[in-house]
Amino acid sequence: MIFPNFVLWLQPSLLIIIIERMSDAAPPRPPREHRPNYWTSVGSVAIVLFTLGFFVLTVVNARLLIKQLKEQVNLIAELNSLGGEQGEALTAEINRLPYVREGSATFISKEKAAELMRKEFGDDFLKLDLPNPLYDVITFNVESAYMESDSLAKIRKRLIEREGVADVYYQENLIADIARNAKAIAWAALAILALFTAVAVALIHNTVRLALYANRFLIKNMELVGASWEFISRPFLKRAVWHGALSGLAAFLALMLLAAWVEQSAVGLSLLKGWSDKALLGGLLMLLGGVINALSTYYVVRKYLRMRVDDLY
């Protein structure tokens, strides 16, 4: 009877020693045929993050294109009978206004305007030798934030109050269409981004669940020999954060290659501008991968710990 009692005492002691040695290491490696393929998990998460990052880049660049489109709409300030020097001085004043896009104001004298009209419509323009009906004008663009009907009406009122400005003209219908379409695109992009994020979280969670499925008995056995839930979860969470960050880094590098290819193929189009934007995107993808991986791992490990042994089969 001494030998069986010794075996009963020795078995849990050995298990406790094994668990203590795992406190600073990853969980024991199961047999190769039952070992989860974490590289497949990392690759799958990287693909999901790449898709999400590509959509985010598309939305950001669409907003930049809309911003550029707004800032290319010309406003025309019609001047009274001012000389060239006074017109140039007024142009410089308009260029310094906070709502005017820097350097966009240009003075066009009525003589230059007539010459442009001749080039556009031919020599028949003003062939009757009538007085030049055109006016001196200043064309300028405003910042995209001011491309709203209310803001433009206030700008027009302020400019008309200036000496020498007869009136300010702009295409009100075009401005309204741009503002309306920009809002519609913004709301649609927000809805699609929310959908993409939800799908990404679901796919990453499912990938983590499948990766941890092979360790479900190990997780439960550690609990049965007295290990706390926090102790059991710790190595899995560390590995989840590391793998998530690695997936984010892989997705970022793939996006960088895509951006470089786009810049070479489409002249003037750049998905990523500046190292600060690139660093921000890479950091966000790595953070997102680590956080989602860790939360999914925490949930899956707790799920296996709450299950009965019979339910694990």
C-alpha atoms as a PDB file:
ATOM      1  CA  MET A   1       0.000   0.000   0.000  1.00  0.00           C
ATOM      2  CA  ILE A   2       2.981   2.317   0.426  1.00  0.00           C
ATOM      3  CA  PHE A   3       3.826   2.311  -3.289  1.00  0.00           C
ATOM      4  CA  PRO A   4       0.314   3.221  -4.501  1.00  0.00           C
ATOM      5  CA  ASN A   5       0.098   5.992  -1.900  1.00  0.00           C
ATOM      6  CA  PHE A   6       3.458   7.311  -3.065  1.00  0.00           C
ATOM      7  CA  VAL A   7       2.246   7.315  -6.688  1.00  0.00           C
ATOM      8  CA  LEU A   8      -0.920   9.186  -5.708  1.00  0.00           C
ATOM      9  CA  TRP A   9       1.202  11.780  -3.902  1.00  0.00           C
ATOM     10  CA  LEU A  10       3.799  12.030  -6.680  1.00  0.00           C
ATOM     11  CA  GLN A  11       1.415  12.539  -9.620  1.00  0.00           C
ATOM     12  CA  PRO A  12      -0.123  15.908  -8.556  1.00  0.00           C
ATOM     13  CA  SER A  13       3.285  17.081  -7.307  1.00  0.00           C
ATOM     14  CA  LEU A  14       4.803  16.536 -10.727  1.00  0.00           C
ATOM     15  CA  LEU A  15       1.911  18.358 -12.360  1.00  0.00           C
ATOM     16  CA  ILE A  16       2.372  21.323 -10.029  1.00  0.00           C
ATOM     17  CA  ILE A  17       6.106  21.450 -10.833  1.00  0.00           C
ATOM     18  CA  ILE A  18       5.335  21.366 -14.555  1.00  0.00           C
ATOM     19  CA  ILE A  19       2.843  24.230 -14.205  1.00  0.00           C
ATOM     20  CA  GLU A  20       5.339  26.312 -12.191  1.00  0.00           C
ATOM     21  CA  ARG A  21       7.938  25.891 -14.948  1.00  0.00           C
ATOM     22  CA  MET A  22       5.387  27.217 -17.444  1.00  0.00           C
ATOM     23  CA  SER A  23       4.928  30.528 -15.614  1.00  0.00           C
ATOM     24  CA  ASP A  24       7.530  32.309 -17.763  1.00  0.00           C
ATOM     25  CA  ALA A  25       7.178  30.258 -20.918  1.00  0.00           C
ATOM     26  CA  ALA A  26       4.655  29.358 -23.554  1.00  0.00           C
ATOM     27  CA  PRO A  27       2.315  26.391 -23.029  1.00  0.00           C
ATOM     28  CA  PRO A  28       3.834  22.921 -23.606  1.00  0.00           C
ATOM     29  CA  ARG A  29       4.137  21.975 -27.252  1.00  0.00           C
ATOM     30  CA  PRO A  30       1.622  19.276 -28.135  1.00  0.00           C
ATOM     31  CA  PRO A  31       2.505  16.451 -30.531  1.00  0.00           C
ATOM     32  CA  ARG A  32       3.210  17.695 -34.050  1.00  0.00           C
ATOM     33  CA  GLU A  33       0.110  16.107 -35.551  1.00  0.00           C
ATOM     34  CA  HIS A  34      -2.088  17.912 -32.976  1.00  0.00           C
ATOM     35  CA  ARG A  35      -0.115  21.148 -32.832  1.00  0.00           C
ATOM     36  CA  PRO A  36      -2.006  24.267 -33.999  1.00  0.00           C
ATOM     37  CA  ASN A  37      -0.508  26.003 -37.022  1.00  0.00           C
ATOM     38  CA  TYR A  38      -0.006  29.506 -35.680  1.00  0.00           C
ATOM     39  CA  TRP A  39       1.672  30.698 -38.871  1.00  0.00           C
ATOM     40  CA  THR A  40      -1.551  30.015 -40.726  1.00  0.00           C
ATOM     41  CA  SER A  41      -3.337  32.072 -38.089  1.00  0.00           C
ATOM     42  CA  VAL A  42      -0.835  34.918 -38.475  1.00  0.00           C
ATOM     43  CA  GLY A  43      -1.234  34.863 -42.257  1.00  0.00           C
ATOM     44  CA  SER A  44      -5.032  34.799 -42.087  1.00  0.00           C
ATOM     45  CA  VAL A  45      -5.146  37.737 -39.678  1.00  0.00           C
ATOM     46  CA  ALA A  46      -2.646  39.621 -41.858  1.00  0.00           C
ATOM     47  CA  ILE A  47      -4.909  39.205 -44.898  1.00  0.00           C
ATOM     48  CA  VAL A  48      -7.897  40.524 -42.948  1.00  0.00           C
ATOM     49  CA  LEU A  49      -5.911  43.520 -41.668  1.00  0.00           C
ATOM     50  CA  PHE A  50      -4.564  44.187 -45.165  1.00  0.00           C
ATOM     51  CA  THR A  51      -8.103  44.321 -46.562  1.00  0.00           C
ATOM     52  CA  LEU A  52      -9.228  46.622 -43.767  1.00  0.00           C
ATOM     53  CA  GLY A  53      -6.177  48.856 -44.173  1.00  0.00           C
ATOM     54  CA  PHE A  54      -6.659  49.067 -47.934  1.00  0.00           C
ATOM     55  CA  PHE A  55     -10.256  50.200 -47.477  1.00  0.00           C
ATOM     56  CA  VAL A  56      -9.192  52.807 -44.924  1.00  0.00           C
ATOM     57  CA  LEU A  57      -6.593  54.123 -47.381  1.00  0.00           C
ATOM     58  CA  THR A  58      -9.235  54.254 -50.106  1.00  0.00           C
ATOM     59  CA  VAL A  59     -11.583  56.269 -47.893  1.00  0.00           C
ATOM     60  CA  VAL A  60      -8.823  58.658 -46.804  1.00  0.00           C
ATOM     61  CA  ASN A  61      -7.687  59.265 -50.382  1.00  0.00           C
ATOM     62  CA  ALA A  62     -11.284  59.739 -51.533  1.00  0.00           C
ATOM     63  CA  ARG A  63     -11.652  62.473 -48.928  1.00  0.00           C
ATOM     64  CA  LEU A  64      -8.425  64.082 -50.125  1.00  0.00           C
ATOM     65  CA  LEU A  65      -9.678  64.019 -53.718  1.00  0.00           C
ATOM     66  CA  ILE A  66     -12.951  65.654 -52.664  1.00  0.00           C
ATOM     67  CA  LYS A  67     -10.957  68.272 -50.746  1.00  0.00           C
ATOM     68  CA  GLN A  68      -8.844  69.011 -53.818  1.00  0.00           C
ATOM     69  CA  LEU A  69     -11.953  69.207 -55.985  1.00  0.00           C
ATOM     70  CA  LYS A  70     -13.511  71.750 -53.637  1.00  0.00           C
ATOM     71  CA  GLU A  71     -10.372  73.865 -53.622  1.00  0.00           C
ATOM     72  CA  GLN A  72     -10.255  73.951 -57.433  1.00  0.00           C
ATOM     73  CA  VAL A  73     -13.653  75.644 -57.812  1.00  0.00           C
ATOM     74  CA  ASN A  74     -13.031  79.208 -58.970  1.00  0.00           C
ATOM     75  CA  LEU A  75     -14.651  82.256 -57.425  1.00  0.00           C
ATOM     76  CA  ILE A  76     -14.606  85.471 -59.445  1.00  0.00           C
ATOM     77  CA  ALA A  77     -14.476  88.931 -57.900  1.00  0.00           C
ATOM     78  CA  GLU A  78     -15.574  91.543 -60.436  1.00  0.00           C
ATOM     79  CA  LEU A  79     -13.773  94.859 -59.939  1.00  0.00           C
ATOM     80  CA  ASN A  80     -14.734  98.422 -60.574  1.00  0.00           C
ATOM     81  CA  SER A  81     -12.587 100.554 -62.850  1.00  0.00           C
ATOM     82  CA  LEU A  82      -9.275 100.017 -61.097  1.00  0.00           C
ATOM     83  CA  GLY A  83      -5.860 100.369 -62.596  1.00  0.00           C
ATOM     84  CA  GLY A  84      -3.456  97.489 -62.924  1.00  0.00           C
ATOM     85  CA  GLU A  85      -1.486  98.491 -59.842  1.00  0.00           C
ATOM     86  CA  GLN A  86      -4.614  98.809 -57.686  1.00  0.00           C
ATOM     87  CA  GLY A  87      -5.860  95.469 -58.998  1.00  0.00           C
ATOM     88  CA  GLU A  88      -2.582  93.751 -58.135  1.00  0.00           C
ATOM     89  CA  ALA A  89      -2.619  95.332 -54.662  1.00  0.00           C
ATOM     90  CA  LEU A  90      -6.174  94.094 -54.053  1.00  0.00           C
ATOM     91  CA  THR A  91      -5.146  90.652 -55.284  1.00  0.00           C
ATOM     92  CA  ALA A  92      -2.344  90.567 -52.718  1.00  0.00           C
ATOM     93  CA  GLU A  93      -4.820  91.522 -49.977  1.00  0.00           C
ATOM     94  CA  ILE A  94      -7.211  88.744 -50.997  1.00  0.00           C
ATOM     95  CA  ASN A  95      -4.347  86.238 -51.016  1.00  0.00           C
ATOM     96  CA  ARG A  96      -3.683  87.049 -47.360  1.00  0.00           C
ATOM     97  CA  LEU A  97      -7.259  86.327 -46.251  1.00  0.00           C
ATOM     98  CA  PRO A  98      -7.477  83.235 -43.990  1.00  0.00           C
ATOM     99  CA  TYR A  99     -10.227  81.527 -45.981  1.00  0.00           C
ATOM    100  CA  VAL A 100      -8.499  81.969 -49.363  1.00  0.00           C
ATOM    101  CA  ARG A 101      -6.239  79.142 -50.516  1.00  0.00           C
ATOM    102  CA  GLU A 102      -2.704  80.451 -50.382  1.00  0.00           C
ATOM    103  CA  GLY A 103      -1.455  81.837 -53.684  1.00  0.00           C
ATOM    104  CA  SER A 104      -4.683  81.107 -55.572  1.00  0.00           C
ATOM    105  CA  ALA A 105      -5.793  84.719 -56.196  1.00  0.00           C
ATOM    106  CA  THR A 106      -4.925  85.938 -59.697  1.00  0.00           C
ATOM    107  CA  PHE A 107      -5.612  89.340 -61.241  1.00  0.00           C
ATOM    108  CA  ILE A 108      -6.925  89.293 -64.836  1.00  0.00           C
ATOM    109  CA  SER A 109      -7.265  92.646 -66.557  1.00  0.00           C
ATOM    110  CA  LYS A 110     -10.051  93.203 -69.054  1.00  0.00           C
ATOM    111  CA  GLU A 111      -7.485  93.430 -71.858  1.00  0.00           C
ATOM    112  CA  LYS A 112      -6.044  90.046 -70.938  1.00  0.00           C
ATOM    113  CA  ALA A 113      -9.567  88.650 -70.623  1.00  0.00           C
ATOM    114  CA  ALA A 114     -10.385  89.895 -74.127  1.00  0.00           C
ATOM    115  CA  GLU A 115      -7.259  88.218 -75.482  1.00  0.00           C
ATOM    116  CA  LEU A 116      -8.240  84.953 -73.808  1.00  0.00           C
ATOM    117  CA  MET A 117     -11.709  85.226 -75.336  1.00  0.00           C
ATOM    118  CA  ARG A 118     -10.196  85.734 -78.789  1.00  0.00           C
ATOM    119  CA  LYS A 119      -8.083  82.588 -78.363  1.00  0.00           C
ATOM    120  CA  GLU A 120     -11.141  80.680 -77.221  1.00  0.00           C
ATOM    121  CA  PHE A 121     -13.714  81.911 -79.757  1.00  0.00           C
ATOM    122  CA  GLY A 122     -11.542  83.099 -82.637  1.00  0.00           C
ATOM    123  CA  ASP A 123     -10.893  86.442 -84.293  1.00  0.00           C
ATOM    124  CA  ASP A 124     -14.605  87.098 -84.792  1.00  0.00           C
ATOM    125  CA  PHE A 125     -14.779  88.101 -81.151  1.00  0.00           C
ATOM    126  CA  LEU A 126     -15.272  91.894 -80.890  1.00  0.00           C
ATOM    127  CA  LYS A 127     -14.916  92.201 -84.673  1.00  0.00           C
ATOM    128  CA  LEU A 128     -17.292  95.159 -84.625  1.00  0.00           C
ATOM    129  CA  ASP A 129     -14.643  97.154 -82.773  1.00  0.00           C
ATOM    130  CA  LEU A 130     -17.025  97.918 -79.948  1.00  0.00           C
ATOM    131  CA  PRO A 131     -15.676  98.956 -76.556  1.00  0.00           C
ATOM    132  CA  ASN A 132     -14.407  96.084 -74.447  1.00  0.00           C
ATOM    133  CA  PRO A 133     -17.433  94.949 -72.406  1.00  0.00           C
ATOM    134  CA  LEU A 134     -15.351  92.895 -69.974  1.00  0.00           C
ATOM    135  CA  TYR A 135     -14.234  93.881 -66.480  1.00  0.00           C
ATOM    136  CA  ASP A 136     -11.088  93.486 -64.478  1.00  0.00           C
ATOM    137  CA  VAL A 137     -11.524  90.413 -62.280  1.00  0.00           C
ATOM    138  CA  ILE A 138      -9.728  88.464 -59.582  1.00  0.00           C
ATOM    139  CA  THR A 139     -10.110  84.684 -59.614  1.00  0.00           C
ATOM    140  CA  PHE A 140      -9.390  82.778 -56.408  1.00  0.00           C
ATOM    141  CA  ASN A 141     -10.101  79.553 -54.543  1.00  0.00           C
ATOM    142  CA  VAL A 142     -11.125  79.066 -50.932  1.00  0.00           C
ATOM    143  CA  GLU A 143     -10.165  76.381 -48.433  1.00  0.00           C
ATOM    144  CA  SER A 144     -12.316  73.253 -48.569  1.00  0.00           C
ATOM    145  CA  ALA A 145     -13.737  73.937 -45.097  1.00  0.00           C
ATOM    146  CA  TYR A 146     -15.395  77.096 -46.457  1.00  0.00           C
ATOM    147  CA  MET A 147     -16.957  75.431 -49.506  1.00  0.00           C
ATOM    148  CA  GLU A 148     -20.452  75.585 -48.060  1.00  0.00           C
ATOM    149  CA  SER A 149     -23.292  77.786 -49.251  1.00  0.00           C
ATOM    150  CA  ASP A 150     -23.505  79.712 -45.965  1.00  0.00           C
ATOM    151  CA  SER A 151     -19.748  80.282 -45.744  1.00  0.00           C
ATOM    152  CA  LEU A 152     -19.498  81.408 -49.360  1.00  0.00           C
ATOM    153  CA  ALA A 153     -22.373  83.848 -48.891  1.00  0.00           C
ATOM    154  CA  LYS A 154     -20.515  85.426 -45.954  1.00  0.00           C
ATOM    155  CA  ILE A 155     -17.290  85.596 -47.962  1.00  0.00           C
ATOM    156  CA  ARG A 156     -19.121  87.271 -50.834  1.00  0.00           C
ATOM    157  CA  LYS A 157     -20.633  89.844 -48.487  1.00  0.00           C
ATOM    158  CA  ARG A 158     -17.251  90.678 -46.910  1.00  0.00           C
ATOM    159  CA  LEU A 159     -15.519  91.075 -50.260  1.00  0.00           C
ATOM    160  CA  ILE A 160     -18.237  93.312 -51.694  1.00  0.00           C
ATOM    161  CA  GLU A 161     -17.719  95.619 -48.730  1.00  0.00           C
ATOM    162  CA  ARG A 162     -14.130  96.161 -49.879  1.00  0.00           C
ATOM    163  CA  GLU A 163     -13.435  99.220 -51.996  1.00  0.00           C
ATOM    164  CA  GLY A 164     -13.101  98.354 -55.665  1.00  0.00           C
ATOM    165  CA  VAL A 165     -15.055  95.053 -55.582  1.00  0.00           C
ATOM    166  CA  ALA A 166     -18.322  95.254 -57.532  1.00  0.00           C
ATOM    167  CA  ASP A 167     -19.545  91.685 -56.987  1.00  0.00           C
ATOM    168  CA  VAL A 168     -18.441  88.096 -56.405  1.00  0.00           C
ATOM    169  CA  TYR A 169     -19.685  85.200 -58.548  1.00  0.00           C
ATOM    170  CA  TYR A 170     -19.545  81.439 -58.116  1.00  0.00           C
ATOM    171  CA  GLN A 171     -21.526  78.431 -59.319  1.00  0.00           C
ATOM    172  CA  GLU A 172     -24.017  77.907 -56.524  1.00  0.00           C
ATOM    173  CA  ASN A 173     -25.499  74.741 -58.034  1.00  0.00           C
ATOM    174  CA  LEU A 174     -22.056  73.184 -58.410  1.00  0.00           C
ATOM    175  CA  ILE A 175     -21.159  74.042 -54.818  1.00  0.00           C
ATOM    176  CA  ALA A 176     -24.415  72.525 -53.542  1.00  0.00           C
ATOM    177  CA  ASP A 177     -23.892  69.349 -55.593  1.00  0.00           C
ATOM    178  CA  ILE A 178     -20.333  68.911 -54.333  1.00  0.00           C
ATOM    179  CA  ALA A 179     -21.387  69.398 -50.707  1.00  0.00           C
ATOM    180  CA  ARG A 180     -24.310  66.994 -51.038  1.00  0.00           C
ATOM    181  CA  ASN A 181     -22.274  64.296 -52.764  1.00  0.00           C
ATOM    182  CA  ALA A 182     -19.423  64.672 -50.270  1.00  0.00           C
ATOM    183  CA  LYS A 183     -21.792  64.097 -47.345  1.00  0.00           C
ATOM    184  CA  ALA A 184     -23.359  61.086 -49.056  1.00  0.00           C
ATOM    185  CA  ILE A 185     -19.933  59.588 -49.746  1.00  0.00           C
ATOM    186  CA  ALA A 186     -18.840  60.227 -46.146  1.00  0.00           C
ATOM    187  CA  TRP A 187     -21.868  58.465 -44.654  1.00  0.00           C
ATOM    188  CA  ALA A 188     -21.586  55.552 -47.089  1.00  0.00           C
ATOM    189  CA  ALA A 189     -17.875  55.184 -46.335  1.00  0.00           C
ATOM    190  CA  LEU A 190     -18.560  55.253 -42.594  1.00  0.00           C
ATOM    191  CA  ALA A 191     -21.199  52.528 -42.907  1.00  0.00           C
ATOM    192  CA  ILE A 192     -18.959  50.343 -45.074  1.00  0.00           C
ATOM    193  CA  LEU A 193     -16.018  50.905 -42.716  1.00  0.00           C
ATOM    194  CA  ALA A 194     -18.141  49.794 -39.759  1.00  0.00           C
ATOM    195  CA  LEU A 195     -19.200  46.699 -41.712  1.00  0.00           C
ATOM    196  CA  PHE A 196     -15.603  45.925 -42.713  1.00  0.00           C
ATOM    197  CA  THR A 197     -14.471  46.317 -39.108  1.00  0.00           C
ATOM    198  CA  ALA A 198     -17.191  43.974 -37.830  1.00  0.00           C
ATOM    199  CA  VAL A 199     -16.332  41.372 -40.472  1.00  0.00           C
ATOM    200  CA  ALA A 200     -12.619  41.721 -39.685  1.00  0.00           C
ATOM    201  CA  VAL A 201     -13.209  41.201 -35.961  1.00  0.00           C
ATOM    202  CA  ALA A 202     -15.394  38.155 -36.661  1.00  0.00           C
ATOM    203  CA  LEU A 203     -12.838  36.595 -39.011  1.00  0.00           C
ATOM    204  CA  ILE A 204      -9.944  37.204 -36.624  1.00  0.00           C
ATOM    205  CA  HIS A 205     -11.939  35.786 -33.715  1.00  0.00           C
ATOM    206  CA  ASN A 206     -12.790  32.666 -35.716  1.00  0.00           C
ATOM    207  CA  THR A 207      -9.141  32.254 -36.718  1.00  0.00           C
ATOM    208  CA  VAL A 208      -8.018  32.501 -33.084  1.00  0.00           C
ATOM    209  CA  ARG A 209     -10.704  30.047 -31.991  1.00  0.00           C
ATOM    210  CA  LEU A 210      -9.543  27.477 -34.532  1.00  0.00           C
ATOM    211  CA  ALA A 211      -5.901  27.988 -33.542  1.00  0.00           C
ATOM    212  CA  LEU A 212      -6.679  27.373 -29.850  1.00  0.00           C
ATOM    213  CA  TYR A 213      -8.937  24.396 -30.487  1.00  0.00           C
ATOM    214  CA  ALA A 214      -6.007  21.963 -30.336  1.00  0.00           C
ATOM    215  CA  ASN A 215      -5.053  23.319 -26.884  1.00  0.00           C
ATOM    216  CA  ARG A 216      -8.482  22.971 -25.288  1.00  0.00           C
ATOM    217  CA  PHE A 217      -7.536  19.861 -23.262  1.00  0.00           C
ATOM    218  CA  LEU A 218      -4.276  21.447 -22.119  1.00  0.00           C
ATOM    219  CA  ILE A 219      -6.196  24.506 -20.933  1.00  0.00           C
ATOM    220  CA  LYS A 220      -8.701  22.388 -19.032  1.00  0.00           C
ATOM    221  CA  ASN A 221      -6.047  20.098 -17.520  1.00  0.00           C
ATOM    222  CA  MET A 222      -4.152  23.072 -16.154  1.00  0.00           C
ATOM    223  CA  GLU A 223      -7.323  24.194 -14.397  1.00  0.00           C
ATOM    224  CA  LEU A 224      -7.983  20.707 -13.002  1.00  0.00           C
ATOM    225  CA  VAL A 225      -4.593  20.604 -11.275  1.00  0.00           C
ATOM    226  CA  GLY A 226      -5.264  23.914  -9.532  1.00  0.00           C
ATOM    227  CA  ALA A 227      -3.893  26.635 -11.823  1.00  0.00           C
ATOM    228  CA  SER A 228      -5.772  29.933 -11.715  1.00  0.00           C
ATOM    229  CA  TRP A 229      -7.518  31.275 -14.789  1.00  0.00           C
ATOM    230  CA  GLU A 230      -5.168  34.269 -14.924  1.00  0.00           C
ATOM    231  CA  PHE A 231      -2.132  31.978 -14.779  1.00  0.00           C
ATOM    232  CA  ILE A 232      -3.521  29.805 -17.584  1.00  0.00           C
ATOM    233  CA  SER A 233      -4.453  32.759 -19.795  1.00  0.00           C
ATOM    234  CA  ARG A 234      -1.163  34.652 -19.452  1.00  0.00           C
ATOM    235  CA  PRO A 235       1.039  32.702 -21.933  1.00  0.00           C
ATOM    236  CA  PHE A 236      -1.764  32.500 -24.480  1.00  0.00           C
ATOM    237  CA  LEU A 237      -2.385  36.256 -24.244  1.00  0.00           C
ATOM    238  CA  LYS A 238       1.320  37.044 -24.665  1.00  0.00           C
ATOM    239  CA  ARG A 239       1.473  34.908 -27.770  1.00  0.00           C
ATOM    240  CA  ALA A 240      -1.761  36.443 -29.089  1.00  0.00           C
ATOM    241  CA  VAL A 241      -0.416  39.996 -28.768  1.00  0.00           C
ATOM    242  CA  TRP A 242       2.838  39.028 -30.456  1.00  0.00           C
ATOM    243  CA  HIS A 243       1.114  37.214 -33.319  1.00  0.00           C
ATOM    244  CA  GLY A 244      -1.399  40.044 -33.761  1.00  0.00           C
ATOM    245  CA  ALA A 245       1.361  42.650 -33.963  1.00  0.00           C
ATOM    246  CA  LEU A 246       3.245  40.447 -36.427  1.00  0.00           C
ATOM    247  CA  SER A 247       0.102  40.159 -38.573  1.00  0.00           C
ATOM    248  CA  GLY A 248      -0.325  43.935 -38.490  1.00  0.00           C
ATOM    249  CA  LEU A 249       3.300  44.420 -39.549  1.00  0.00           C
ATOM    250  CA  ALA A 250       2.877  41.971 -42.444  1.00  0.00           C
ATOM    251  CA  ALA A 251      -0.299  43.757 -43.561  1.00  0.00           C
ATOM    252  CA  PHE A 252       1.477  47.122 -43.384  1.00  0.00           C
ATOM    253  CA  LEU A 253       4.414  45.915 -45.482  1.00  0.00           C
ATOM    254  CA  ALA A 254       2.000  44.547 -48.087  1.00  0.00           C
ATOM    255  CA  LEU A 255       0.196  47.894 -48.184  1.00  0.00           C
ATOM    256  CA  MET A 256       3.526  49.689 -48.617  1.00  0.00           C
ATOM    257  CA  LEU A 257       4.316  47.501 -51.633  1.00  0.00           C
ATOM    258  CA  LEU A 258       0.857  48.198 -53.057  1.00  0.00           C
ATOM    259  CA  ALA A 259       1.274  51.941 -52.511  1.00  0.00           C
ATOM    260  CA  ALA A 260       4.673  51.894 -54.243  1.00  0.00           C
ATOM    261  CA  TRP A 261       3.185  50.039 -57.214  1.00  0.00           C
ATOM    262  CA  VAL A 262       0.281  52.502 -57.463  1.00  0.00           C
ATOM    263  CA  GLU A 263       2.647  55.490 -57.359  1.00  0.00           C
ATOM    264  CA  GLN A 264       4.690  54.034 -60.215  1.00  0.00           C
ATOM    265  CA  SER A 265       1.670  53.018 -62.295  1.00  0.00           C
ATOM    266  CA  ALA A 266      -0.541  56.088 -61.779  1.00  0.00           C
ATOM    267  CA  VAL A 267       1.371  59.350 -62.052  1.00  0.00           C
ATOM    268  CA  GLY A 268       0.294  61.898 -59.459  1.00  0.00           C
ATOM    269  CA  LEU A 269      -1.589  59.377 -57.303  1.00  0.00           C
ATOM    270  CA  SER A 270      -0.165  58.573 -53.879  1.00  0.00           C
ATOM    271  CA  LEU A 271      -1.882  56.332 -51.323  1.00  0.00           C
ATOM    272  CA  LEU A 272       0.546  57.202 -48.533  1.00  0.00           C
ATOM    273  CA  LYS A 273       2.084  60.657 -48.160  1.00  0.00           C
ATOM    274  CA  GLY A 274       4.934  61.216 -45.753  1.00  0.00           C
ATOM    275  CA  TRP A 275       6.632  58.970 -43.231  1.00  0.00           C
ATOM    276  CA  SER A 276       4.366  60.198 -40.448  1.00  0.00           C
ATOM    277  CA  ASP A 277       1.290  58.821 -42.237  1.00  0.00           C
ATOM    278  CA  LYS A 278       3.081  55.548 -42.921  1.00  0.00           C
ATOM    279  CA  ALA A 279       4.198  55.190 -39.310  1.00  0.00           C
ATOM    280  CA  LEU A 280       0.679  55.978 -38.095  1.00  0.00           C
ATOM    281  CA  LEU A 281      -0.871  53.364 -40.386  1.00  0.00           C
ATOM    282  CA  GLY A 282       1.683  50.721 -39.390  1.00  0.00           C
ATOM    283  CA  GLY A 283       1.213  51.431 -35.688  1.00  0.00           C
ATOM    284  CA  LEU A 284      -2.576  51.293 -35.973  1.00  0.00           C
ATOM    285  CA  LEU A 285      -2.524  47.973 -37.842  1.00  0.00           C
ATOM    286  CA  MET A 286      -0.146  46.400 -35.320  1.00  0.00           C
ATOM    287  CA  LEU A 287      -2.166  47.752 -32.396  1.00  0.00           C
ATOM    288  CA  LEU A 288      -5.440  46.611 -33.928  1.00  0.00           C
ATOM    289  CA  GLY A 289      -4.071  43.142 -34.633  1.00  0.00           C
ATOM    290  CA  GLY A 290      -2.677  42.763 -31.119  1.00  0.00           C
ATOM    291  CA  VAL A 291      -5.808  44.033 -29.358  1.00  0.00           C
ATOM    292  CA  ILE A 292      -8.295  41.963 -31.386  1.00  0.00           C
ATOM    293  CA  ASN A 293      -6.109  38.858 -31.095  1.00  0.00           C
ATOM    294  CA  ALA A 294      -5.738  39.304 -27.326  1.00  0.00           C
ATOM    295  CA  LEU A 295      -9.460  39.906 -26.725  1.00  0.00           C
ATOM    296  CA  SER A 296     -10.425  36.917 -28.861  1.00  0.00           C
ATOM    297  CA  THR A 297      -7.863  34.709 -27.110  1.00  0.00           C
ATOM    298  CA  TYR A 298      -9.081  35.840 -23.696  1.00  0.00           C
ATOM    299  CA  TYR A 299     -12.664  35.011 -24.642  1.00  0.00           C
ATOM    300  CA  VAL A 300     -11.821  31.598 -26.147  1.00  0.00           C
ATOM    301  CA  VAL A 301      -9.615  30.521 -23.222  1.00  0.00           C
ATOM    302  CA  ARG A 302     -12.300  31.526 -20.713  1.00  0.00           C
ATOM    303  CA  LYS A 303     -14.865  29.652 -22.779  1.00  0.00           C
ATOM    304  CA  TYR A 304     -12.848  26.425 -22.577  1.00  0.00           C
ATOM    305  CA  LEU A 305     -12.285  26.933 -18.856  1.00  0.00           C
ATOM    306  CA  ARG A 306     -16.031  27.231 -18.247  1.00  0.00           C
ATOM    307  CA  MET A 307     -16.815  24.069 -20.213  1.00  0.00           C
ATOM    308  CA  ARG A 308     -17.087  20.618 -18.677  1.00  0.00           C
ATOM    309  CA  VAL A 309     -14.505  18.042 -19.697  1.00  0.00           C
ATOM    310  CA  ASP A 310     -17.118  15.959 -21.515  1.00  0.00           C
ATOM    311  CA  ASP A 311     -18.093  18.976 -23.626  1.00  0.00           C
ATOM    312  CA  LEU A 312     -14.546  19.350 -24.937  1.00  0.00           C
ATOM    313  CA  TYR A 313     -14.783  16.176 -27.006  1.00  0.00           C
END
